[in-house]
């Protein structure tokens, strides 16, 4: 059995209720830090950052009574790890006006920081926000770039041979976050 085929063990680190509570907390923190919803836009990074951003926006609307624009961002062409001629799977980008707004980039897992760097590059092609903030459901550490999240659902220190798998109802049919580790690691 090759290392890639080695069996893995998985355990849940966030349940559906814990994900909901984390996103409620993030929504409150975004509103508190920004003095309400005025001038704020949420931009989810494909794939799972999009439904997370939509859920945060729904909580903001419930708490503040005000809608927050939500965008979708595909960073495929901005990645620095595309291997010679690899063709990325493109997904739609739909960005609300961001000029002069405080934009909260939203992703499921913050790891090395390279995805966030690519997202900031992509975002600035659509305008110049007053500020870019970052929200992540899970921060697993191991940064390669000087990037940190402003809002975190859960910090999960991991080793490099562990993986975080975020599953969301909108995409995967269930809400959970799993930590897996190869048994040969």
C-alpha atoms as a PDB file:
ATOM      1  CA  UNK A   1       0.000   0.000   0.000  1.00  0.00           C
ATOM      2  CA  UNK A   2       1.448   3.380  -0.983  1.00  0.00           C
ATOM      3  CA  UNK A   3       1.515   6.312   1.362  1.00  0.00           C
ATOM      4  CA  UNK A   4      -1.286   7.970  -0.643  1.00  0.00           C
ATOM      5  CA  UNK A   5      -3.420   4.847  -0.214  1.00  0.00           C
ATOM      6  CA  UNK A   6      -2.748   4.456   3.505  1.00  0.00           C
ATOM      7  CA  UNK A   7      -5.929   4.179   5.572  1.00  0.00           C
ATOM      8  CA  UNK A   8      -7.015   7.236   7.489  1.00  0.00           C
ATOM      9  CA  UNK A   9      -8.765   7.706  10.769  1.00  0.00           C
ATOM     10  CA  UNK A  10     -11.307  10.507  10.998  1.00  0.00           C
ATOM     11  CA  UNK A  11     -12.901  12.213  13.937  1.00  0.00           C
ATOM     12  CA  UNK A  12     -15.431  15.009  14.100  1.00  0.00           C
ATOM     13  CA  UNK A  13     -14.083  18.259  15.526  1.00  0.00           C
ATOM     14  CA  UNK A  14     -17.167  20.393  14.803  1.00  0.00           C
ATOM     15  CA  UNK A  15     -20.772  19.226  14.687  1.00  0.00           C
ATOM     16  CA  UNK A  16     -23.613  20.937  12.856  1.00  0.00           C
ATOM     17  CA  UNK A  17     -24.624  22.844  16.010  1.00  0.00           C
ATOM     18  CA  UNK A  18     -21.029  23.874  16.701  1.00  0.00           C
ATOM     19  CA  UNK A  19     -20.650  25.177  13.134  1.00  0.00           C
ATOM     20  CA  UNK A  20     -23.860  27.199  13.523  1.00  0.00           C
ATOM     21  CA  UNK A  21     -22.687  28.663  16.849  1.00  0.00           C
ATOM     22  CA  UNK A  22     -19.272  29.535  15.375  1.00  0.00           C
ATOM     23  CA  UNK A  23     -20.896  31.368  12.447  1.00  0.00           C
ATOM     24  CA  UNK A  24     -23.303  33.210  14.764  1.00  0.00           C
ATOM     25  CA  UNK A  25     -20.299  34.355  16.804  1.00  0.00           C
ATOM     26  CA  UNK A  26     -18.407  35.424  13.683  1.00  0.00           C
ATOM     27  CA  UNK A  27     -21.451  37.409  12.477  1.00  0.00           C
ATOM     28  CA  UNK A  28     -21.633  39.218  15.825  1.00  0.00           C
ATOM     29  CA  UNK A  29     -17.880  39.912  15.800  1.00  0.00           C
ATOM     30  CA  UNK A  30     -18.022  41.315  12.249  1.00  0.00           C
ATOM     31  CA  UNK A  31     -20.857  43.667  13.239  1.00  0.00           C
ATOM     32  CA  UNK A  32     -19.148  44.714  16.455  1.00  0.00           C
ATOM     33  CA  UNK A  33     -15.795  45.414  14.805  1.00  0.00           C
ATOM     34  CA  UNK A  34     -17.374  47.339  11.916  1.00  0.00           C
ATOM     35  CA  UNK A  35     -19.994  49.239  13.906  1.00  0.00           C
ATOM     36  CA  UNK A  36     -22.872  47.468  12.158  1.00  0.00           C
ATOM     37  CA  UNK A  37     -23.503  46.287   8.626  1.00  0.00           C
ATOM     38  CA  UNK A  38     -23.207  49.610   6.793  1.00  0.00           C
ATOM     39  CA  UNK A  39     -20.271  49.589   4.378  1.00  0.00           C
ATOM     40  CA  UNK A  40     -19.531  45.868   4.843  1.00  0.00           C
ATOM     41  CA  UNK A  41     -19.482  43.228   2.101  1.00  0.00           C
ATOM     42  CA  UNK A  42     -18.820  39.510   2.485  1.00  0.00           C
ATOM     43  CA  UNK A  43     -16.941  37.641  -0.241  1.00  0.00           C
ATOM     44  CA  UNK A  44     -16.789  33.859  -0.053  1.00  0.00           C
ATOM     45  CA  UNK A  45     -13.961  31.980  -1.710  1.00  0.00           C
ATOM     46  CA  UNK A  46     -15.054  28.985  -3.760  1.00  0.00           C
ATOM     47  CA  UNK A  47     -16.004  26.418  -2.870  1.00  0.00           C
ATOM     48  CA  UNK A  48     -17.077  26.207   0.772  1.00  0.00           C
ATOM     49  CA  UNK A  49     -16.354  29.839   1.630  1.00  0.00           C
ATOM     50  CA  UNK A  50     -19.375  30.852  -0.452  1.00  0.00           C
ATOM     51  CA  UNK A  51     -22.083  29.108   1.617  1.00  0.00           C
ATOM     52  CA  UNK A  52     -20.280  30.118   4.815  1.00  0.00           C
ATOM     53  CA  UNK A  53     -20.404  33.787   3.707  1.00  0.00           C
ATOM     54  CA  UNK A  54     -24.095  33.398   2.818  1.00  0.00           C
ATOM     55  CA  UNK A  55     -24.845  31.949   6.253  1.00  0.00           C
ATOM     56  CA  UNK A  56     -22.969  34.763   8.014  1.00  0.00           C
ATOM     57  CA  UNK A  57     -24.928  37.304   5.939  1.00  0.00           C
ATOM     58  CA  UNK A  58     -28.203  35.618   6.940  1.00  0.00           C
ATOM     59  CA  UNK A  59     -27.251  35.891  10.628  1.00  0.00           C
ATOM     60  CA  UNK A  60     -26.295  39.555  10.169  1.00  0.00           C
ATOM     61  CA  UNK A  61     -29.684  40.237   8.553  1.00  0.00           C
ATOM     62  CA  UNK A  62     -31.457  38.465  11.419  1.00  0.00           C
ATOM     63  CA  UNK A  63     -29.522  40.417  14.089  1.00  0.00           C
ATOM     64  CA  UNK A  64     -29.204  43.824  12.427  1.00  0.00           C
ATOM     65  CA  UNK A  65     -32.238  43.850  10.132  1.00  0.00           C
ATOM     66  CA  UNK A  66     -29.955  44.914   7.277  1.00  0.00           C
ATOM     67  CA  UNK A  67     -28.753  42.905   4.316  1.00  0.00           C
ATOM     68  CA  UNK A  68     -25.051  42.655   3.617  1.00  0.00           C
ATOM     69  CA  UNK A  69     -23.908  42.148   0.011  1.00  0.00           C
ATOM     70  CA  UNK A  70     -22.366  38.714  -0.567  1.00  0.00           C
ATOM     71  CA  UNK A  71     -20.008  37.844  -3.395  1.00  0.00           C
ATOM     72  CA  UNK A  72     -18.395  34.716  -4.793  1.00  0.00           C
ATOM     73  CA  UNK A  73     -14.712  34.672  -5.708  1.00  0.00           C
ATOM     74  CA  UNK A  74     -12.811  32.150  -7.822  1.00  0.00           C
ATOM     75  CA  UNK A  75      -9.076  32.450  -7.226  1.00  0.00           C
ATOM     76  CA  UNK A  76      -7.970  29.676  -9.595  1.00  0.00           C
ATOM     77  CA  UNK A  77      -6.044  31.944 -11.970  1.00  0.00           C
ATOM     78  CA  UNK A  78      -4.311  33.737  -9.093  1.00  0.00           C
ATOM     79  CA  UNK A  79      -2.834  30.655  -7.430  1.00  0.00           C
ATOM     80  CA  UNK A  80       0.945  30.334  -7.308  1.00  0.00           C
ATOM     81  CA  UNK A  81       0.885  26.532  -7.325  1.00  0.00           C
ATOM     82  CA  UNK A  82      -0.532  25.735 -10.770  1.00  0.00           C
ATOM     83  CA  UNK A  83       1.746  23.095 -12.255  1.00  0.00           C
ATOM     84  CA  UNK A  84       3.001  23.555 -15.825  1.00  0.00           C
ATOM     85  CA  UNK A  85      -0.067  24.055 -17.961  1.00  0.00           C
ATOM     86  CA  UNK A  86      -2.578  22.610 -15.477  1.00  0.00           C
ATOM     87  CA  UNK A  87      -6.100  23.790 -16.280  1.00  0.00           C
ATOM     88  CA  UNK A  88      -7.972  24.745 -13.144  1.00  0.00           C
ATOM     89  CA  UNK A  89     -11.690  24.113 -12.770  1.00  0.00           C
ATOM     90  CA  UNK A  90     -13.176  27.585 -13.017  1.00  0.00           C
ATOM     91  CA  UNK A  91     -16.210  28.649 -10.994  1.00  0.00           C
ATOM     92  CA  UNK A  92     -18.272  31.828 -11.314  1.00  0.00           C
ATOM     93  CA  UNK A  93     -17.063  35.032  -9.743  1.00  0.00           C
ATOM     94  CA  UNK A  94     -19.732  37.536  -8.752  1.00  0.00           C
ATOM     95  CA  UNK A  95     -18.441  40.447  -6.700  1.00  0.00           C
ATOM     96  CA  UNK A  96     -20.655  43.252  -5.346  1.00  0.00           C
ATOM     97  CA  UNK A  97     -19.258  46.788  -5.535  1.00  0.00           C
ATOM     98  CA  UNK A  98     -16.300  46.850  -3.144  1.00  0.00           C
ATOM     99  CA  UNK A  99     -14.827  50.299  -3.761  1.00  0.00           C
ATOM    100  CA  UNK A 100     -14.672  52.049  -0.398  1.00  0.00           C
ATOM    101  CA  UNK A 101     -16.187  49.113   1.526  1.00  0.00           C
ATOM    102  CA  UNK A 102     -14.838  46.937   4.291  1.00  0.00           C
ATOM    103  CA  UNK A 103     -14.667  43.507   2.657  1.00  0.00           C
ATOM    104  CA  UNK A 104     -14.629  40.329   4.729  1.00  0.00           C
ATOM    105  CA  UNK A 105     -13.067  37.471   2.760  1.00  0.00           C
ATOM    106  CA  UNK A 106     -14.545  34.170   3.931  1.00  0.00           C
ATOM    107  CA  UNK A 107     -12.991  30.705   3.650  1.00  0.00           C
ATOM    108  CA  UNK A 108     -13.550  27.345   5.281  1.00  0.00           C
ATOM    109  CA  UNK A 109      -9.973  26.516   6.348  1.00  0.00           C
ATOM    110  CA  UNK A 110      -6.997  28.815   6.844  1.00  0.00           C
ATOM    111  CA  UNK A 111      -3.749  26.909   6.395  1.00  0.00           C
ATOM    112  CA  UNK A 112      -0.614  28.289   4.711  1.00  0.00           C
ATOM    113  CA  UNK A 113      -2.123  31.653   3.757  1.00  0.00           C
ATOM    114  CA  UNK A 114      -1.473  31.190   0.045  1.00  0.00           C
ATOM    115  CA  UNK A 115      -5.180  30.934  -0.824  1.00  0.00           C
ATOM    116  CA  UNK A 116      -5.840  34.196   1.014  1.00  0.00           C
ATOM    117  CA  UNK A 117      -2.963  35.925  -0.784  1.00  0.00           C
ATOM    118  CA  UNK A 118      -4.426  34.795  -4.126  1.00  0.00           C
ATOM    119  CA  UNK A 119      -7.879  35.989  -3.037  1.00  0.00           C
ATOM    120  CA  UNK A 120      -6.554  39.453  -2.142  1.00  0.00           C
ATOM    121  CA  UNK A 121      -4.877  39.684  -5.548  1.00  0.00           C
ATOM    122  CA  UNK A 122      -8.112  38.654  -7.268  1.00  0.00           C
ATOM    123  CA  UNK A 123     -10.262  40.964  -5.160  1.00  0.00           C
ATOM    124  CA  UNK A 124      -8.229  44.067  -5.957  1.00  0.00           C
ATOM    125  CA  UNK A 125      -8.905  43.492  -9.657  1.00  0.00           C
ATOM    126  CA  UNK A 126     -12.528  44.437  -8.828  1.00  0.00           C
ATOM    127  CA  UNK A 127     -11.781  47.643  -6.953  1.00  0.00           C
ATOM    128  CA  UNK A 128     -10.029  49.084  -3.958  1.00  0.00           C
ATOM    129  CA  UNK A 129     -11.786  48.302  -0.697  1.00  0.00           C
ATOM    130  CA  UNK A 130     -11.125  50.490   2.337  1.00  0.00           C
ATOM    131  CA  UNK A 131     -10.137  47.386   4.256  1.00  0.00           C
ATOM    132  CA  UNK A 132      -9.909  43.628   3.759  1.00  0.00           C
ATOM    133  CA  UNK A 133     -10.667  41.411   6.739  1.00  0.00           C
ATOM    134  CA  UNK A 134     -10.561  37.623   6.891  1.00  0.00           C
ATOM    135  CA  UNK A 135     -12.985  35.111   8.390  1.00  0.00           C
ATOM    136  CA  UNK A 136     -12.269  31.366   8.528  1.00  0.00           C
ATOM    137  CA  UNK A 137     -14.364  28.599   9.994  1.00  0.00           C
ATOM    138  CA  UNK A 138     -11.187  26.693  10.969  1.00  0.00           C
ATOM    139  CA  UNK A 139      -7.618  27.941  11.444  1.00  0.00           C
ATOM    140  CA  UNK A 140      -5.223  24.994  11.414  1.00  0.00           C
ATOM    141  CA  UNK A 141      -1.930  26.902  11.591  1.00  0.00           C
ATOM    142  CA  UNK A 142       1.214  26.253   9.479  1.00  0.00           C
ATOM    143  CA  UNK A 143       1.348  29.702   7.882  1.00  0.00           C
ATOM    144  CA  UNK A 144       3.848  30.257   5.079  1.00  0.00           C
ATOM    145  CA  UNK A 145       2.850  33.901   4.636  1.00  0.00           C
ATOM    146  CA  UNK A 146       2.262  36.629   7.244  1.00  0.00           C
ATOM    147  CA  UNK A 147      -1.533  36.317   7.153  1.00  0.00           C
ATOM    148  CA  UNK A 148      -3.923  35.934  10.085  1.00  0.00           C
ATOM    149  CA  UNK A 149      -7.683  35.719  10.341  1.00  0.00           C
ATOM    150  CA  UNK A 150      -9.683  38.481  12.001  1.00  0.00           C
ATOM    151  CA  UNK A 151     -12.516  36.059  12.786  1.00  0.00           C
ATOM    152  CA  UNK A 152     -12.076  32.338  13.499  1.00  0.00           C
ATOM    153  CA  UNK A 153     -14.712  29.744  14.271  1.00  0.00           C
ATOM    154  CA  UNK A 154     -12.236  27.283  15.793  1.00  0.00           C
ATOM    155  CA  UNK A 155      -8.459  27.065  16.082  1.00  0.00           C
ATOM    156  CA  UNK A 156      -7.301  23.497  15.485  1.00  0.00           C
ATOM    157  CA  UNK A 157      -3.551  22.958  15.832  1.00  0.00           C
ATOM    158  CA  UNK A 158      -2.635  20.210  13.380  1.00  0.00           C
ATOM    159  CA  UNK A 159       0.403  18.343  12.183  1.00  0.00           C
ATOM    160  CA  UNK A 160       1.316  18.453   8.513  1.00  0.00           C
ATOM    161  CA  UNK A 161       0.147  14.857   8.018  1.00  0.00           C
ATOM    162  CA  UNK A 162      -3.362  15.694   9.189  1.00  0.00           C
ATOM    163  CA  UNK A 163      -6.166  17.043   7.036  1.00  0.00           C
ATOM    164  CA  UNK A 164      -9.225  19.124   7.833  1.00  0.00           C
ATOM    165  CA  UNK A 165     -12.364  18.299   5.848  1.00  0.00           C
ATOM    166  CA  UNK A 166     -15.239  20.770   6.009  1.00  0.00           C
ATOM    167  CA  UNK A 167     -18.568  19.359   4.904  1.00  0.00           C
ATOM    168  CA  UNK A 168     -21.534  21.687   4.372  1.00  0.00           C
ATOM    169  CA  UNK A 169     -25.190  20.895   3.669  1.00  0.00           C
ATOM    170  CA  UNK A 170     -25.260  23.056   0.555  1.00  0.00           C
ATOM    171  CA  UNK A 171     -22.454  21.059  -1.104  1.00  0.00           C
ATOM    172  CA  UNK A 172     -21.982  17.802   0.793  1.00  0.00           C
ATOM    173  CA  UNK A 173     -25.423  17.149   2.278  1.00  0.00           C
ATOM    174  CA  UNK A 174     -24.266  17.444   5.913  1.00  0.00           C
ATOM    175  CA  UNK A 175     -22.613  19.947   8.243  1.00  0.00           C
ATOM    176  CA  UNK A 176     -19.477  18.719  10.008  1.00  0.00           C
ATOM    177  CA  UNK A 177     -15.761  19.313  10.231  1.00  0.00           C
ATOM    178  CA  UNK A 178     -13.541  16.249  10.315  1.00  0.00           C
ATOM    179  CA  UNK A 179      -9.895  15.824  11.249  1.00  0.00           C
ATOM    180  CA  UNK A 180      -8.181  12.915   9.541  1.00  0.00           C
ATOM    181  CA  UNK A 181      -4.775  11.393   9.981  1.00  0.00           C
ATOM    182  CA  UNK A 182      -3.085   8.706   7.921  1.00  0.00           C
ATOM    183  CA  UNK A 183      -2.574   5.648  10.085  1.00  0.00           C
ATOM    184  CA  UNK A 184       1.006   5.207   8.824  1.00  0.00           C
ATOM    185  CA  UNK A 185       1.920   8.772   9.831  1.00  0.00           C
END
